[in-house]
PDB file of all heavy atoms in Angstrom:
ATOM      1  N   LEU A   1     102.201  83.774 123.187  1.00  0.00           N
ATOM      2  CA  LEU A   1     100.950  84.510 123.187  1.00  0.00           C
ATOM      3  C   LEU A   1     100.235  84.393 121.850  1.00  0.00           C
ATOM      4  O   LEU A   1      99.250  83.682 121.737  1.00  0.00           O
ATOM      5  CB  LEU A   1     101.229  85.965 123.534  1.00  0.00           C
ATOM      6  CG  LEU A   1     101.745  86.270 124.960  1.00  0.00           C
ATOM      7  CD1 LEU A   1     102.106  87.693 125.113  1.00  0.00           C
ATOM      8  CD2 LEU A   1     100.686  85.866 125.990  1.00  0.00           C
ATOM      9  N   PHE A   2     100.699  85.101 120.851  1.00  0.00           N
ATOM     10  CA  PHE A   2      99.957  85.108 119.548  1.00  0.00           C
ATOM     11  C   PHE A   2     100.856  85.423 118.376  1.00  0.00           C
ATOM     12  O   PHE A   2     101.917  86.026 118.519  1.00  0.00           O
ATOM     13  CB  PHE A   2      98.783  86.072 119.599  1.00  0.00           C
ATOM     14  CG  PHE A   2      99.164  87.534 119.666  1.00  0.00           C
ATOM     15  CD1 PHE A   2      99.260  88.295 118.500  1.00  0.00           C
ATOM     16  CD2 PHE A   2      99.397  88.180 120.890  1.00  0.00           C
ATOM     17  CE1 PHE A   2      99.615  89.627 118.561  1.00  0.00           C
ATOM     18  CE2 PHE A   2      99.762  89.533 120.951  1.00  0.00           C
ATOM     19  CZ  PHE A   2      99.866  90.244 119.770  1.00  0.00           C
ATOM     20  N   TYR A   3     100.365  85.055 117.187  1.00  0.00           N
ATOM     21  CA  TYR A   3     100.990  85.387 115.925  1.00  0.00           C
ATOM     22  C   TYR A   3     100.238  86.601 115.339  1.00  0.00           C
ATOM     23  O   TYR A   3      99.014  86.662 115.305  1.00  0.00           O
ATOM     24  CB  TYR A   3     100.896  84.254 114.920  1.00  0.00           C
ATOM     25  CG  TYR A   3     101.391  82.899 115.395  1.00  0.00           C
ATOM     26  CD1 TYR A   3     100.542  81.804 115.472  1.00  0.00           C
ATOM     27  CD2 TYR A   3     102.693  82.735 115.800  1.00  0.00           C
ATOM     28  CE1 TYR A   3     100.981  80.575 115.902  1.00  0.00           C
ATOM     29  CE2 TYR A   3     103.147  81.502 116.231  1.00  0.00           C
ATOM     30  CZ  TYR A   3     102.283  80.442 116.312  1.00  0.00           C
ATOM     31  OH  TYR A   3     102.758  79.214 116.764  1.00  0.00           O
ATOM     32  N   SER A   4     101.010  87.600 114.899  1.00  0.00           N
ATOM     33  CA  SER A   4     100.395  88.806 114.330  1.00  0.00           C
ATOM     34  C   SER A   4      99.840  88.541 112.923  1.00  0.00           C
ATOM     35  O   SER A   4     100.306  87.676 112.195  1.00  0.00           O
ATOM     36  CB  SER A   4     101.425  89.933 114.257  1.00  0.00           C
ATOM     37  OG  SER A   4     101.820  90.369 115.512  1.00  0.00           O
ATOM     38  N   ARG A   5      98.832  89.336 112.607  1.00  0.00           N
ATOM     39  CA  ARG A   5      98.362  89.420 111.207  1.00  0.00           C
ATOM     40  C   ARG A   5      98.205  90.908 110.913  1.00  0.00           C
ATOM     41  O   ARG A   5      97.801  91.668 111.786  1.00  0.00           O
ATOM     42  CB  ARG A   5      97.016  88.680 110.986  1.00  0.00           C
ATOM     43  CG  ARG A   5      97.210  87.176 110.854  1.00  0.00           C
ATOM     44  CD  ARG A   5      95.959  86.441 110.580  1.00  0.00           C
ATOM     45  NE  ARG A   5      95.089  86.383 111.729  1.00  0.00           N
ATOM     46  CZ  ARG A   5      94.138  85.465 111.912  1.00  0.00           C
ATOM     47  NH1 ARG A   5      93.994  84.511 111.007  1.00  0.00           N
ATOM     48  NH2 ARG A   5      93.368  85.470 112.994  1.00  0.00           N
ATOM     49  N   ASN A   6      98.542  91.319 109.719  1.00  0.00           N
ATOM     50  CA  ASN A   6      98.615  92.722 109.436  1.00  0.00           C
ATOM     51  C   ASN A   6      97.406  93.231 108.619  1.00  0.00           C
ATOM     52  O   ASN A   6      97.171  92.738 107.508  1.00  0.00           O
ATOM     53  CB  ASN A   6      99.908  93.007 108.634  1.00  0.00           C
ATOM     54  CG  ASN A   6     101.131  92.712 109.478  1.00  0.00           C
ATOM     55  OD1 ASN A   6     101.320  93.250 110.567  1.00  0.00           O
ATOM     56  ND2 ASN A   6     101.973  91.838 108.985  1.00  0.00           N
ATOM     57  N   TYR A   7      96.720  94.212 109.187  1.00  0.00           N
ATOM     58  CA  TYR A   7      95.680  94.895 108.486  1.00  0.00           C
ATOM     59  C   TYR A   7      96.244  96.294 108.160  1.00  0.00           C
ATOM     60  O   TYR A   7      96.421  97.096 109.046  1.00  0.00           O
ATOM     61  CB  TYR A   7      94.411  95.051 109.295  1.00  0.00           C
ATOM     62  CG  TYR A   7      93.528  93.819 109.322  1.00  0.00           C
ATOM     63  CD1 TYR A   7      94.028  92.586 109.571  1.00  0.00           C
ATOM     64  CD2 TYR A   7      92.157  93.920 109.062  1.00  0.00           C
ATOM     65  CE1 TYR A   7      93.224  91.432 109.584  1.00  0.00           C
ATOM     66  CE2 TYR A   7      91.338  92.805 109.049  1.00  0.00           C
ATOM     67  CZ  TYR A   7      91.868  91.572 109.337  1.00  0.00           C
ATOM     68  OH  TYR A   7      91.063  90.429 109.313  1.00  0.00           O
ATOM     69  N   ILE A   8      96.564  96.513 106.894  1.00  0.00           N
ATOM     70  CA  ILE A   8      97.240  97.764 106.515  1.00  0.00           C
ATOM     71  C   ILE A   8      96.260  98.629 105.705  1.00  0.00           C
ATOM     72  O   ILE A   8      95.629  98.175 104.751  1.00  0.00           O
ATOM     73  CB  ILE A   8      98.468  97.490 105.644  1.00  0.00           C
ATOM     74  CG1 ILE A   8      99.351  96.433 106.305  1.00  0.00           C
ATOM     75  CG2 ILE A   8      99.231  98.774 105.330  1.00  0.00           C
ATOM     76  CD1 ILE A   8     100.016  96.889 107.561  1.00  0.00           C
ATOM     77  N   VAL A   9      96.149  99.923 106.107  1.00  0.00           N
ATOM     78  CA  VAL A   9      95.333 100.864 105.350  1.00  0.00           C
ATOM     79  C   VAL A   9      96.255 101.846 104.662  1.00  0.00           C
ATOM     80  O   VAL A   9      97.323 102.216 105.197  1.00  0.00           O
ATOM     81  CB  VAL A   9      94.336 101.611 106.275  1.00  0.00           C
ATOM     82  CG1 VAL A   9      93.194 100.695 106.684  1.00  0.00           C
ATOM     83  CG2 VAL A   9      95.003 102.177 107.494  1.00  0.00           C
ATOM     84  N   SER A  10      95.846 102.282 103.469  1.00  0.00           N
ATOM     85  CA  SER A  10      96.640 103.236 102.686  1.00  0.00           C
ATOM     86  C   SER A  10      95.694 104.110 101.889  1.00  0.00           C
ATOM     87  O   SER A  10      94.549 103.747 101.600  1.00  0.00           O
ATOM     88  CB  SER A  10      97.627 102.489 101.778  1.00  0.00           C
ATOM     89  OG  SER A  10      96.934 101.711 100.828  1.00  0.00           O
ATOM     90  N   HIS A  11      96.227 105.259 101.514  1.00  0.00           N
ATOM     91  CA  HIS A  11      95.502 106.167 100.650  1.00  0.00           C
ATOM     92  C   HIS A  11      95.664 105.719  99.172  1.00  0.00           C
ATOM     93  O   HIS A  11      96.684 105.154  98.817  1.00  0.00           O
ATOM     94  CB  HIS A  11      95.934 107.598 100.823  1.00  0.00           C
ATOM     95  CG  HIS A  11      95.600 108.163 102.187  1.00  0.00           C
ATOM     96  ND1 HIS A  11      94.334 108.529 102.525  1.00  0.00           N
ATOM     97  CD2 HIS A  11      96.368 108.391 103.285  1.00  0.00           C
ATOM     98  CE1 HIS A  11      94.319 108.952 103.782  1.00  0.00           C
ATOM     99  NE2 HIS A  11      95.558 108.887 104.277  1.00  0.00           N
ATOM    100  N   GLU A  12      94.649 106.036  98.398  1.00  0.00           N
ATOM    101  CA  GLU A  12      94.649 105.546  97.018  1.00  0.00           C
ATOM    102  C   GLU A  12      95.835 106.069  96.197  1.00  0.00           C
ATOM    103  O   GLU A  12      96.297 105.405  95.253  1.00  0.00           O
ATOM    104  CB  GLU A  12      93.360 105.957  96.330  1.00  0.00           C
ATOM    105  CG  GLU A  12      93.102 105.289  95.000  1.00  0.00           C
ATOM    106  CD  GLU A  12      91.787 105.603  94.381  1.00  0.00           C
ATOM    107  OE1 GLU A  12      91.524 106.814  94.099  1.00  0.00           O
ATOM    108  OE2 GLU A  12      90.975 104.671  94.158  1.00  0.00           O
ATOM    109  N   ARG A  13      96.382 107.207  96.562  1.00  0.00           N
ATOM    110  CA  ARG A  13      97.504 107.775  95.810  1.00  0.00           C
ATOM    111  C   ARG A  13      98.767 106.889  95.904  1.00  0.00           C
ATOM    112  O   ARG A  13      99.661 107.035  95.070  1.00  0.00           O
ATOM    113  CB  ARG A  13      97.789 109.195  96.278  1.00  0.00           C
ATOM    114  CG  ARG A  13      98.548 109.286  97.584  1.00  0.00           C
ATOM    115  CD  ARG A  13      98.837 110.745  97.949  1.00  0.00           C
ATOM    116  NE  ARG A  13      99.860 110.834  98.992  1.00  0.00           N
ATOM    117  CZ  ARG A  13     100.888 111.690  98.948  1.00  0.00           C
ATOM    118  NH1 ARG A  13     101.026 112.508  97.911  1.00  0.00           N
ATOM    119  NH2 ARG A  13     101.774 111.740  99.923  1.00  0.00           N
ATOM    120  N   LEU A  14      98.830 106.034  96.912  1.00  0.00           N
ATOM    121  CA  LEU A  14     100.002 105.183  97.088  1.00  0.00           C
ATOM    122  C   LEU A  14      99.849 103.907  96.225  1.00  0.00           C
ATOM    123  O   LEU A  14      98.911 103.145  96.411  1.00  0.00           O
ATOM    124  CB  LEU A  14     100.152 104.789  98.544  1.00  0.00           C
ATOM    125  CG  LEU A  14     101.395 103.968  98.902  1.00  0.00           C
ATOM    126  CD1 LEU A  14     102.661 104.749  98.597  1.00  0.00           C
ATOM    127  CD2 LEU A  14     101.357 103.529 100.363  1.00  0.00           C
ATOM    128  N   LYS A  15     100.801 103.710  95.355  1.00  0.00           N
ATOM    129  CA  LYS A  15     100.745 102.598  94.426  1.00  0.00           C
ATOM    130  C   LYS A  15     101.886 101.621  94.712  1.00  0.00           C
ATOM    131  O   LYS A  15     102.878 101.950  95.334  1.00  0.00           O
ATOM    132  CB  LYS A  15     100.897 103.073  92.948  1.00  0.00           C
ATOM    133  CG  LYS A  15      99.875 104.175  92.576  1.00  0.00           C
ATOM    134  CD  LYS A  15      98.429 103.708  92.688  1.00  0.00           C
ATOM    135  CE  LYS A  15      97.435 104.801  92.258  1.00  0.00           C
ATOM    136  NZ  LYS A  15      96.069 104.359  92.463  1.00  0.00           N
ATOM    137  N   ASN A  16     101.691 100.386  94.247  1.00  0.00           N
ATOM    138  CA  ASN A  16     102.718  99.329  94.326  1.00  0.00           C
ATOM    139  C   ASN A  16     102.977  98.816  95.767  1.00  0.00           C
ATOM    140  O   ASN A  16     103.969  98.133  96.004  1.00  0.00           O
ATOM    141  CB  ASN A  16     104.069  99.748  93.749  1.00  0.00           C
ATOM    142  CG  ASN A  16     103.950 100.184  92.309  1.00  0.00           C
ATOM    143  OD1 ASN A  16     103.039  99.764  91.597  1.00  0.00           O
ATOM    144  ND2 ASN A  16     104.900 100.982  91.833  1.00  0.00           N
ATOM    145  N   PHE A  17     102.030  99.076  96.689  1.00  0.00           N
ATOM    146  CA  PHE A  17     102.272  98.705  98.058  1.00  0.00           C
ATOM    147  C   PHE A  17     102.012  97.229  98.300  1.00  0.00           C
ATOM    148  O   PHE A  17     100.966  96.708  97.966  1.00  0.00           O
ATOM    149  CB  PHE A  17     101.436  99.533  99.000  1.00  0.00           C
ATOM    150  CG  PHE A  17     101.641  99.233 100.478  1.00  0.00           C
ATOM    151  CD1 PHE A  17     102.738  99.769 101.162  1.00  0.00           C
ATOM    152  CD2 PHE A  17     100.813  98.345 101.128  1.00  0.00           C
ATOM    153  CE1 PHE A  17     102.987  99.453 102.479  1.00  0.00           C
ATOM    154  CE2 PHE A  17     101.067  98.038 102.483  1.00  0.00           C
ATOM    155  CZ  PHE A  17     102.111  98.602 103.131  1.00  0.00           C
ATOM    156  N   ARG A  18     102.977  96.548  98.922  1.00  0.00           N
ATOM    157  CA  ARG A  18     102.796  95.168  99.417  1.00  0.00           C
ATOM    158  C   ARG A  18     103.566  95.002 100.683  1.00  0.00           C
ATOM    159  O   ARG A  18     104.784  95.111 100.681  1.00  0.00           O
ATOM    160  CB  ARG A  18     103.262  94.170  98.349  1.00  0.00           C
ATOM    161  CG  ARG A  18     102.991  92.726  98.790  1.00  0.00           C
ATOM    162  CD  ARG A  18     103.280  91.732  97.697  1.00  0.00           C
ATOM    163  NE  ARG A  18     102.866  90.390  98.089  1.00  0.00           N
ATOM    164  CZ  ARG A  18     102.909  89.305  97.273  1.00  0.00           C
ATOM    165  NH1 ARG A  18     103.320  89.463  96.007  1.00  0.00           N
ATOM    166  NH2 ARG A  18     102.577  88.140  97.707  1.00  0.00           N
ATOM    167  N   HIS A  19     102.896  94.696 101.736  1.00  0.00           N
ATOM    168  CA  HIS A  19     103.530  94.559 103.034  1.00  0.00           C
ATOM    169  C   HIS A  19     104.299  93.274 103.162  1.00  0.00           C
ATOM    170  O   HIS A  19     103.919  92.247 102.629  1.00  0.00           O
ATOM    171  CB  HIS A  19     102.492  94.619 104.167  1.00  0.00           C
ATOM    172  CG  HIS A  19     103.088  94.463 105.552  1.00  0.00           C
ATOM    173  ND1 HIS A  19     103.760  95.506 106.173  1.00  0.00           N
ATOM    174  CD2 HIS A  19     103.152  93.374 106.351  1.00  0.00           C
ATOM    175  CE1 HIS A  19     104.181  95.056 107.338  1.00  0.00           C
ATOM    176  NE2 HIS A  19     103.842  93.798 107.455  1.00  0.00           N
ATOM    177  N   SER A  20     105.436  93.354 103.878  1.00  0.00           N
ATOM    178  CA  SER A  20     106.194  92.150 104.220  1.00  0.00           C
ATOM    179  C   SER A  20     106.911  92.400 105.548  1.00  0.00           C
ATOM    180  O   SER A  20     107.324  93.512 105.839  1.00  0.00           O
ATOM    181  CB  SER A  20     107.263  91.857 103.112  1.00  0.00           C
ATOM    182  OG  SER A  20     108.182  90.906 103.589  1.00  0.00           O
ATOM    183  N   ASP A  21     107.049  91.331 106.329  1.00  0.00           N
ATOM    184  CA  ASP A  21     107.771  91.449 107.599  1.00  0.00           C
ATOM    185  C   ASP A  21     109.279  91.364 107.435  1.00  0.00           C
ATOM    186  O   ASP A  21     110.013  91.648 108.387  1.00  0.00           O
ATOM    187  CB  ASP A  21     107.332  90.343 108.531  1.00  0.00           C
ATOM    188  CG  ASP A  21     105.947  90.625 109.127  1.00  0.00           C
ATOM    189  OD1 ASP A  21     105.595  91.811 109.281  1.00  0.00           O
ATOM    190  OD2 ASP A  21     105.207  89.661 109.431  1.00  0.00           O
ATOM    191  N   ILE A  22     109.741  90.923 106.275  1.00  0.00           N
ATOM    192  CA  ILE A  22     111.219  90.769 106.143  1.00  0.00           C
ATOM    193  C   ILE A  22     111.767  91.596 104.986  1.00  0.00           C
ATOM    194  O   ILE A  22     113.000  91.673 104.857  1.00  0.00           O
ATOM    195  CB  ILE A  22     111.621  89.296 105.988  1.00  0.00           C
ATOM    196  CG1 ILE A  22     111.028  88.659 104.707  1.00  0.00           C
ATOM    197  CG2 ILE A  22     111.241  88.476 107.180  1.00  0.00           C
ATOM    198  CD1 ILE A  22     111.554  87.254 104.449  1.00  0.00           C
ATOM    199  N   ILE A  23     110.940  92.214 104.188  1.00  0.00           N
ATOM    200  CA  ILE A  23     111.417  93.134 103.121  1.00  0.00           C
ATOM    201  C   ILE A  23     111.304  94.531 103.674  1.00  0.00           C
ATOM    202  O   ILE A  23     110.216  95.103 103.754  1.00  0.00           O
ATOM    203  CB  ILE A  23     110.627  92.953 101.818  1.00  0.00           C
ATOM    204  CG1 ILE A  23     110.813  91.519 101.283  1.00  0.00           C
ATOM    205  CG2 ILE A  23     111.105  93.983 100.818  1.00  0.00           C
ATOM    206  CD1 ILE A  23     109.988  91.254 100.046  1.00  0.00           C
ATOM    207  N   TYR A  24     112.428  95.120 104.058  1.00  0.00           N
ATOM    208  CA  TYR A  24     112.398  96.460 104.658  1.00  0.00           C
ATOM    209  C   TYR A  24     112.810  97.536 103.646  1.00  0.00           C
ATOM    210  O   TYR A  24     112.589  98.732 103.929  1.00  0.00           O
ATOM    211  CB  TYR A  24     113.410  96.515 105.838  1.00  0.00           C
ATOM    212  CG  TYR A  24     112.911  95.765 107.088  1.00  0.00           C
ATOM    213  CD1 TYR A  24     113.384  94.506 107.383  1.00  0.00           C
ATOM    214  CD2 TYR A  24     112.004  96.376 107.944  1.00  0.00           C
ATOM    215  CE1 TYR A  24     112.947  93.843 108.497  1.00  0.00           C
ATOM    216  CE2 TYR A  24     111.547  95.698 109.078  1.00  0.00           C
ATOM    217  CZ  TYR A  24     112.033  94.433 109.349  1.00  0.00           C
ATOM    218  OH  TYR A  24     111.571  93.785 110.475  1.00  0.00           O
ATOM    219  N   ASN A  25     113.352  97.148 102.523  1.00  0.00           N
ATOM    220  CA  ASN A  25     113.763  98.181 101.544  1.00  0.00           C
ATOM    221  C   ASN A  25     112.695  98.441 100.492  1.00  0.00           C
ATOM    222  O   ASN A  25     112.949  98.769  99.359  1.00  0.00           O
ATOM    223  CB  ASN A  25     115.089  97.772 100.891  1.00  0.00           C
ATOM    224  CG  ASN A  25     114.918  96.498  99.996  1.00  0.00           C
ATOM    225  OD1 ASN A  25     113.911  95.833 100.064  1.00  0.00           O
ATOM    226  ND2 ASN A  25     115.977  96.219  99.205  1.00  0.00           N
ATOM    227  N   GLN A  26     111.400  98.324 100.921  1.00  0.00           N
ATOM    228  CA  GLN A  26     110.319  98.324  99.969  1.00  0.00           C
ATOM    229  C   GLN A  26     109.989  99.754  99.429  1.00  0.00           C
ATOM    230  O   GLN A  26     109.305  99.877  98.415  1.00  0.00           O
ATOM    231  CB  GLN A  26     109.056  97.759 100.620  1.00  0.00           C
ATOM    232  CG  GLN A  26     108.260  98.685 101.548  1.00  0.00           C
ATOM    233  CD  GLN A  26     108.842  98.807 102.907  1.00  0.00           C
ATOM    234  OE1 GLN A  26     110.025  98.484 103.179  1.00  0.00           O
ATOM    235  NE2 GLN A  26     108.035  99.235 103.905  1.00  0.00           N
ATOM    236  N   ILE A  27     110.462 100.798 100.076  1.00  0.00           N
ATOM    237  CA  ILE A  27     110.056 102.147  99.678  1.00  0.00           C
ATOM    238  C   ILE A  27     110.507 102.476  98.298  1.00  0.00           C
ATOM    239  O   ILE A  27     109.858 103.236  97.567  1.00  0.00           O
ATOM    240  CB  ILE A  27     110.534 103.155 100.754  1.00  0.00           C
ATOM    241  CG1 ILE A  27     109.662 102.990 102.011  1.00  0.00           C
ATOM    242  CG2 ILE A  27     110.418 104.590 100.221  1.00  0.00           C
ATOM    243  CD1 ILE A  27     110.015 103.884 103.162  1.00  0.00           C
ATOM    244  N   LYS A  28     111.615 101.917  97.845  1.00  0.00           N
ATOM    245  CA  LYS A  28     112.093 102.230  96.505  1.00  0.00           C
ATOM    246  C   LYS A  28     111.117 101.734  95.428  1.00  0.00           C
ATOM    247  O   LYS A  28     111.099 102.227  94.276  1.00  0.00           O
ATOM    248  CB  LYS A  28     113.459 101.637  96.259  1.00  0.00           C
ATOM    249  CG  LYS A  28     113.520 100.127  96.255  1.00  0.00           C
ATOM    250  CD  LYS A  28     114.945  99.638  96.124  1.00  0.00           C
ATOM    251  CE  LYS A  28     115.060  98.098  96.176  1.00  0.00           C
ATOM    252  NZ  LYS A  28     116.458  97.649  96.120  1.00  0.00           N
ATOM    253  N   TYR A  29     110.255 100.808  95.773  1.00  0.00           N
ATOM    254  CA  TYR A  29     109.253 100.274  94.824  1.00  0.00           C
ATOM    255  C   TYR A  29     107.989 101.066  94.817  1.00  0.00           C
ATOM    256  O   TYR A  29     107.143 100.939  93.877  1.00  0.00           O
ATOM    257  CB  TYR A  29     108.931  98.813  95.168  1.00  0.00           C
ATOM    258  CG  TYR A  29     110.093  97.865  95.124  1.00  0.00           C
ATOM    259  CD1 TYR A  29     110.649  97.407  96.324  1.00  0.00           C
ATOM    260  CD2 TYR A  29     110.656  97.432  93.924  1.00  0.00           C
ATOM    261  CE1 TYR A  29     111.735  96.533  96.324  1.00  0.00           C
ATOM    262  CE2 TYR A  29     111.721  96.559  93.915  1.00  0.00           C
ATOM    263  CZ  TYR A  29     112.252  96.129  95.113  1.00  0.00           C
ATOM    264  OH  TYR A  29     113.330  95.250  95.084  1.00  0.00           O
ATOM    265  N   LEU A  30     107.698 101.862  95.831  1.00  0.00           N
ATOM    266  CA  LEU A  30     106.457 102.561  95.971  1.00  0.00           C
ATOM    267  C   LEU A  30     106.380 103.779  95.055  1.00  0.00           C
ATOM    268  O   LEU A  30     107.390 104.358  94.728  1.00  0.00           O
ATOM    269  CB  LEU A  30     106.281 102.994  97.433  1.00  0.00           C
ATOM    270  CG  LEU A  30     106.284 101.894  98.494  1.00  0.00           C
ATOM    271  CD1 LEU A  30     105.989 102.452  99.869  1.00  0.00           C
ATOM    272  CD2 LEU A  30     105.309 100.793  98.125  1.00  0.00           C
ATOM    273  N   LYS A  31     105.150 104.154  94.743  1.00  0.00           N
ATOM    274  CA  LYS A  31     104.934 105.257  93.821  1.00  0.00           C
ATOM    275  C   LYS A  31     103.730 106.065  94.305  1.00  0.00           C
ATOM    276  O   LYS A  31     102.797 105.497  94.841  1.00  0.00           O
ATOM    277  CB  LYS A  31     104.686 104.723  92.415  1.00  0.00           C
ATOM    278  CG  LYS A  31     104.657 105.760  91.306  1.00  0.00           C
ATOM    279  CD  LYS A  31     104.534 105.044  89.956  1.00  0.00           C
ATOM    280  CE  LYS A  31     104.654 106.044  88.815  1.00  0.00           C
ATOM    281  NZ  LYS A  31     104.535 105.299  87.491  1.00  0.00           N
ATOM    282  N   ILE A  32     103.804 107.390  94.118  1.00  0.00           N
ATOM    283  CA  ILE A  32     102.679 108.246  94.474  1.00  0.00           C
ATOM    284  C   ILE A  32     102.089 108.825  93.221  1.00  0.00           C
ATOM    285  O   ILE A  32     102.774 109.383  92.363  1.00  0.00           O
ATOM    286  CB  ILE A  32     103.178 109.412  95.416  1.00  0.00           C
ATOM    287  CG1 ILE A  32     103.589 108.809  96.773  1.00  0.00           C
ATOM    288  CG2 ILE A  32     102.107 110.454  95.586  1.00  0.00           C
ATOM    289  CD1 ILE A  32     104.174 109.811  97.724  1.00  0.00           C
TER     290      ILE A  32
END
């Protein structure tokens, strides 16, 4: 059918965000 592409929205208070389909432990890097 199709390949996904990700449009991610976030609030400005969330820092260090970078989406990945294979990095699931990313929350430890995020900052508010």
